[in-house]
Amino acid sequence: MTEPTPESSQSTGLVRRRRALVAISCCAAAIVAIIVLGVVLSENVLYFQTVSEAVRDRSEQGTDRLRLAGEVVPGSVTETARGVRFEVTDGKTTAEVVHRGDPPDLFEDAATKEIPVVCEGHWGSGEAFASDRILIRHGNEYKPPKVDQDGAEEPK
């Protein structure tokens, strides 16, 4: 057998150091990416608050975006020039919501019965919650509208 020369052992040591440095760099980059992704995702997540929680914490929230969850108070829905105005309640507290934009199709039932909604927006300058998105939970009985062969919706 031949003994390793000093030059070959030096080059083997350099290769090992480079590999170790590359592995450490990759691990550090992966850790930084995970932390950045976690921070970005946590800032973009909006959890909903009940009407009571949102009204109680209103002064602390300022104009921060949040989701307000409750049921539409029957008979409180009125159309405005830019959307709809209605009241939501959680059974304890009631808040007025001014929604800008067209409400979802399932919102039609809100005029006559309590429907659960989650309104996304912020507290406005007045007393009302300024909403720009309404999410409606529906039961498992929901059926999409029937579509005829030409692709147009059939009248109800």
C-alpha atoms as a PDB file:
ATOM      1  CA  MET A   1       0.000   0.000   0.000  1.00  0.00           C
ATOM      2  CA  THR A   2       1.004   3.524  -0.616  1.00  0.00           C
ATOM      3  CA  GLU A   3       0.886   6.144   2.038  1.00  0.00           C
ATOM      4  CA  PRO A   4      -1.106   9.287   1.313  1.00  0.00           C
ATOM      5  CA  THR A   5       0.985  12.209   0.319  1.00  0.00           C
ATOM      6  CA  PRO A   6       0.656  15.467   2.213  1.00  0.00           C
ATOM      7  CA  GLU A   7      -0.887  17.150  -0.863  1.00  0.00           C
ATOM      8  CA  SER A   8      -3.659  14.518  -1.217  1.00  0.00           C
ATOM      9  CA  SER A   9      -4.579  14.698   2.475  1.00  0.00           C
ATOM     10  CA  GLN A  10      -4.722  18.499   2.251  1.00  0.00           C
ATOM     11  CA  SER A  11      -7.033  18.383  -0.777  1.00  0.00           C
ATOM     12  CA  THR A  12      -9.249  15.783   0.950  1.00  0.00           C
ATOM     13  CA  GLY A  13      -9.449  18.057   4.002  1.00  0.00           C
ATOM     14  CA  LEU A  14     -10.386  21.049   1.840  1.00  0.00           C
ATOM     15  CA  VAL A  15     -13.122  19.050   0.095  1.00  0.00           C
ATOM     16  CA  ARG A  16     -14.545  17.981   3.454  1.00  0.00           C
ATOM     17  CA  ARG A  17     -14.484  21.549   4.754  1.00  0.00           C
ATOM     18  CA  ARG A  18     -16.229  22.813   1.613  1.00  0.00           C
ATOM     19  CA  ARG A  19     -18.897  20.128   1.902  1.00  0.00           C
ATOM     20  CA  ALA A  20     -19.433  20.945   5.564  1.00  0.00           C
ATOM     21  CA  LEU A  21     -19.623  24.659   4.772  1.00  0.00           C
ATOM     22  CA  VAL A  22     -22.158  24.028   1.984  1.00  0.00           C
ATOM     23  CA  ALA A  23     -24.267  21.827   4.290  1.00  0.00           C
ATOM     24  CA  ILE A  24     -24.220  24.428   7.066  1.00  0.00           C
ATOM     25  CA  SER A  25     -25.088  27.197   4.592  1.00  0.00           C
ATOM     26  CA  CYS A  26     -28.020  25.190   3.210  1.00  0.00           C
ATOM     27  CA  CYS A  27     -29.348  24.479   6.704  1.00  0.00           C
ATOM     28  CA  ALA A  28     -29.046  28.149   7.679  1.00  0.00           C
ATOM     29  CA  ALA A  29     -30.832  29.237   4.484  1.00  0.00           C
ATOM     30  CA  ALA A  30     -33.626  26.721   5.131  1.00  0.00           C
ATOM     31  CA  ILE A  31     -34.070  27.969   8.711  1.00  0.00           C
ATOM     32  CA  VAL A  32     -34.210  31.602   7.548  1.00  0.00           C
ATOM     33  CA  ALA A  33     -36.752  30.677   4.837  1.00  0.00           C
ATOM     34  CA  ILE A  34     -38.968  28.884   7.374  1.00  0.00           C
ATOM     35  CA  ILE A  35     -38.857  31.877   9.750  1.00  0.00           C
ATOM     36  CA  VAL A  36     -39.657  34.360   6.970  1.00  0.00           C
ATOM     37  CA  LEU A  37     -42.501  32.184   5.695  1.00  0.00           C
ATOM     38  CA  GLY A  38     -43.924  31.861   9.211  1.00  0.00           C
ATOM     39  CA  VAL A  39     -43.837  35.630   9.767  1.00  0.00           C
ATOM     40  CA  VAL A  40     -45.423  36.383   6.381  1.00  0.00           C
ATOM     41  CA  LEU A  41     -48.190  33.823   6.884  1.00  0.00           C
ATOM     42  CA  SER A  42     -48.946  34.921  10.440  1.00  0.00           C
ATOM     43  CA  GLU A  43     -49.360  38.542   9.312  1.00  0.00           C
ATOM     44  CA  ASN A  44     -51.785  37.562   6.538  1.00  0.00           C
ATOM     45  CA  VAL A  45     -54.063  35.368   8.637  1.00  0.00           C
ATOM     46  CA  LEU A  46     -57.261  36.994   9.866  1.00  0.00           C
ATOM     47  CA  TYR A  47     -59.074  35.136  12.594  1.00  0.00           C
ATOM     48  CA  PHE A  48     -62.674  36.103  13.195  1.00  0.00           C
ATOM     49  CA  GLN A  49     -63.994  37.706  16.335  1.00  0.00           C
ATOM     50  CA  THR A  50     -67.511  37.528  17.658  1.00  0.00           C
ATOM     51  CA  VAL A  51     -69.478  40.768  17.697  1.00  0.00           C
ATOM     52  CA  SER A  52     -69.016  41.050  21.473  1.00  0.00           C
ATOM     53  CA  GLU A  53     -65.229  40.600  21.218  1.00  0.00           C
ATOM     54  CA  ALA A  54     -64.885  43.058  18.345  1.00  0.00           C
ATOM     55  CA  VAL A  55     -66.988  45.755  20.030  1.00  0.00           C
ATOM     56  CA  ARG A  56     -65.139  45.268  23.337  1.00  0.00           C
ATOM     57  CA  ASP A  57     -61.692  45.543  21.669  1.00  0.00           C
ATOM     58  CA  ARG A  58     -62.650  48.246  19.168  1.00  0.00           C
ATOM     59  CA  SER A  59     -60.480  51.002  20.670  1.00  0.00           C
ATOM     60  CA  GLU A  60     -57.404  48.734  20.666  1.00  0.00           C
ATOM     61  CA  GLN A  61     -57.945  47.604  17.066  1.00  0.00           C
ATOM     62  CA  GLY A  62     -58.116  51.060  15.510  1.00  0.00           C
ATOM     63  CA  THR A  63     -58.318  50.588  11.754  1.00  0.00           C
ATOM     64  CA  ASP A  64     -56.682  47.127  11.699  1.00  0.00           C
ATOM     65  CA  ARG A  65     -58.412  44.574   9.456  1.00  0.00           C
ATOM     66  CA  LEU A  66     -60.416  41.873  11.156  1.00  0.00           C
ATOM     67  CA  ARG A  67     -63.249  39.449  10.575  1.00  0.00           C
ATOM     68  CA  LEU A  68     -66.490  40.032  12.422  1.00  0.00           C
ATOM     69  CA  ALA A  69     -68.656  36.927  12.932  1.00  0.00           C
ATOM     70  CA  GLY A  70     -72.310  36.890  13.810  1.00  0.00           C
ATOM     71  CA  GLU A  71     -75.824  36.463  12.456  1.00  0.00           C
ATOM     72  CA  VAL A  72     -77.640  39.043  10.363  1.00  0.00           C
ATOM     73  CA  VAL A  73     -80.523  40.594  12.270  1.00  0.00           C
ATOM     74  CA  PRO A  74     -83.665  39.930  10.176  1.00  0.00           C
ATOM     75  CA  GLY A  75     -85.272  43.104   8.860  1.00  0.00           C
ATOM     76  CA  SER A  76     -82.101  45.196   9.307  1.00  0.00           C
ATOM     77  CA  VAL A  77     -80.876  44.884   5.711  1.00  0.00           C
ATOM     78  CA  THR A  78     -81.148  48.029   3.577  1.00  0.00           C
ATOM     79  CA  GLU A  79     -79.546  48.747   0.232  1.00  0.00           C
ATOM     80  CA  THR A  80     -77.245  51.729  -0.108  1.00  0.00           C
ATOM     81  CA  ALA A  81     -75.799  53.453  -3.164  1.00  0.00           C
ATOM     82  CA  ARG A  82     -72.578  51.428  -2.803  1.00  0.00           C
ATOM     83  CA  GLY A  83     -73.725  48.193  -1.164  1.00  0.00           C
ATOM     84  CA  VAL A  84     -75.807  47.205   1.848  1.00  0.00           C
ATOM     85  CA  ARG A  85     -76.204  48.216   5.477  1.00  0.00           C
ATOM     86  CA  PHE A  86     -77.271  45.689   8.116  1.00  0.00           C
ATOM     87  CA  GLU A  87     -76.844  44.634  11.713  1.00  0.00           C
ATOM     88  CA  VAL A  88     -75.077  41.529  13.012  1.00  0.00           C
ATOM     89  CA  THR A  89     -75.417  39.998  16.443  1.00  0.00           C
ATOM     90  CA  ASP A  90     -73.908  37.190  18.464  1.00  0.00           C
ATOM     91  CA  GLY A  91     -76.909  37.087  20.771  1.00  0.00           C
ATOM     92  CA  LYS A  92     -75.277  39.426  23.302  1.00  0.00           C
ATOM     93  CA  THR A  93     -74.109  42.437  21.313  1.00  0.00           C
ATOM     94  CA  THR A  94     -75.261  43.968  18.040  1.00  0.00           C
ATOM     95  CA  ALA A  95     -73.143  46.007  15.621  1.00  0.00           C
ATOM     96  CA  GLU A  96     -73.989  47.875  12.445  1.00  0.00           C
ATOM     97  CA  VAL A  97     -72.149  46.847   9.269  1.00  0.00           C
ATOM     98  CA  VAL A  98     -71.807  48.987   6.169  1.00  0.00           C
ATOM     99  CA  HIS A  99     -70.749  46.755   3.293  1.00  0.00           C
ATOM    100  CA  ARG A 100     -69.266  48.296   0.173  1.00  0.00           C
ATOM    101  CA  GLY A 101     -69.829  46.231  -2.967  1.00  0.00           C
ATOM    102  CA  ASP A 102     -72.284  43.577  -4.005  1.00  0.00           C
ATOM    103  CA  PRO A 103     -73.120  41.029  -1.319  1.00  0.00           C
ATOM    104  CA  PRO A 104     -72.936  37.319  -2.214  1.00  0.00           C
ATOM    105  CA  ASP A 105     -76.014  35.649  -3.743  1.00  0.00           C
ATOM    106  CA  LEU A 106     -76.728  33.698  -0.556  1.00  0.00           C
ATOM    107  CA  PHE A 107     -77.168  37.027   1.261  1.00  0.00           C
ATOM    108  CA  GLU A 108     -80.657  37.376  -0.281  1.00  0.00           C
ATOM    109  CA  ASP A 109     -82.105  35.289   2.574  1.00  0.00           C
ATOM    110  CA  ALA A 110     -80.748  37.734   5.191  1.00  0.00           C
ATOM    111  CA  ALA A 111     -83.759  40.030   4.841  1.00  0.00           C
ATOM    112  CA  THR A 112     -86.127  37.405   6.268  1.00  0.00           C
ATOM    113  CA  LYS A 113     -84.063  35.039   8.416  1.00  0.00           C
ATOM    114  CA  GLU A 114     -80.937  34.940  10.543  1.00  0.00           C
ATOM    115  CA  ILE A 115     -77.980  33.773   8.496  1.00  0.00           C
ATOM    116  CA  PRO A 116     -74.448  33.337   9.848  1.00  0.00           C
ATOM    117  CA  VAL A 117     -71.937  35.697   8.234  1.00  0.00           C
ATOM    118  CA  VAL A 118     -68.320  36.684   8.607  1.00  0.00           C
ATOM    119  CA  CYS A 119     -67.657  40.260   7.483  1.00  0.00           C
ATOM    120  CA  GLU A 120     -64.097  41.259   6.662  1.00  0.00           C
ATOM    121  CA  GLY A 121     -63.030  44.875   7.050  1.00  0.00           C
ATOM    122  CA  HIS A 122     -62.272  47.410   9.791  1.00  0.00           C
ATOM    123  CA  TRP A 123     -64.005  49.772  12.144  1.00  0.00           C
ATOM    124  CA  GLY A 124     -64.987  52.875  10.226  1.00  0.00           C
ATOM    125  CA  SER A 125     -64.816  56.477  11.339  1.00  0.00           C
ATOM    126  CA  GLY A 126     -68.446  56.331  12.513  1.00  0.00           C
ATOM    127  CA  GLU A 127     -70.030  53.680  14.714  1.00  0.00           C
ATOM    128  CA  ALA A 128     -70.342  51.093  11.926  1.00  0.00           C
ATOM    129  CA  PHE A 129     -68.021  48.298  10.851  1.00  0.00           C
ATOM    130  CA  ALA A 130     -66.806  48.990   7.280  1.00  0.00           C
ATOM    131  CA  SER A 131     -66.900  45.706   5.370  1.00  0.00           C
ATOM    132  CA  ASP A 132     -65.564  44.916   1.920  1.00  0.00           C
ATOM    133  CA  ARG A 133     -66.103  41.154   1.965  1.00  0.00           C
ATOM    134  CA  ILE A 134     -68.928  38.972   3.258  1.00  0.00           C
ATOM    135  CA  LEU A 135     -68.510  35.247   3.793  1.00  0.00           C
ATOM    136  CA  ILE A 136     -71.662  33.200   4.311  1.00  0.00           C
ATOM    137  CA  ARG A 137     -71.764  29.747   5.798  1.00  0.00           C
ATOM    138  CA  HIS A 138     -74.383  27.530   4.277  1.00  0.00           C
ATOM    139  CA  GLY A 139     -75.700  24.146   5.282  1.00  0.00           C
ATOM    140  CA  ASN A 140     -75.031  20.883   3.520  1.00  0.00           C
ATOM    141  CA  GLU A 141     -78.416  21.219   1.767  1.00  0.00           C
ATOM    142  CA  TYR A 142     -77.051  23.891  -0.572  1.00  0.00           C
ATOM    143  CA  LYS A 143     -77.526  23.041  -4.234  1.00  0.00           C
ATOM    144  CA  PRO A 144     -75.944  25.102  -7.001  1.00  0.00           C
ATOM    145  CA  PRO A 145     -78.310  26.600  -9.574  1.00  0.00           C
ATOM    146  CA  LYS A 146     -79.231  24.319 -12.459  1.00  0.00           C
ATOM    147  CA  VAL A 147     -77.519  25.090 -15.729  1.00  0.00           C
ATOM    148  CA  ASP A 148     -79.132  24.338 -19.082  1.00  0.00           C
ATOM    149  CA  GLN A 149     -77.239  22.888 -22.044  1.00  0.00           C
ATOM    150  CA  ASP A 150     -76.250  26.339 -23.359  1.00  0.00           C
ATOM    151  CA  GLY A 151     -74.520  27.213 -20.100  1.00  0.00           C
ATOM    152  CA  ALA A 152     -77.038  29.832 -18.941  1.00  0.00           C
ATOM    153  CA  GLU A 153     -78.635  29.691 -15.509  1.00  0.00           C
ATOM    154  CA  GLU A 154     -82.238  28.594 -15.441  1.00  0.00           C
ATOM    155  CA  PRO A 155     -84.634  31.107 -13.869  1.00  0.00           C
ATOM    156  CA  LYS A 156     -85.635  30.452 -10.281  1.00  0.00           C
END
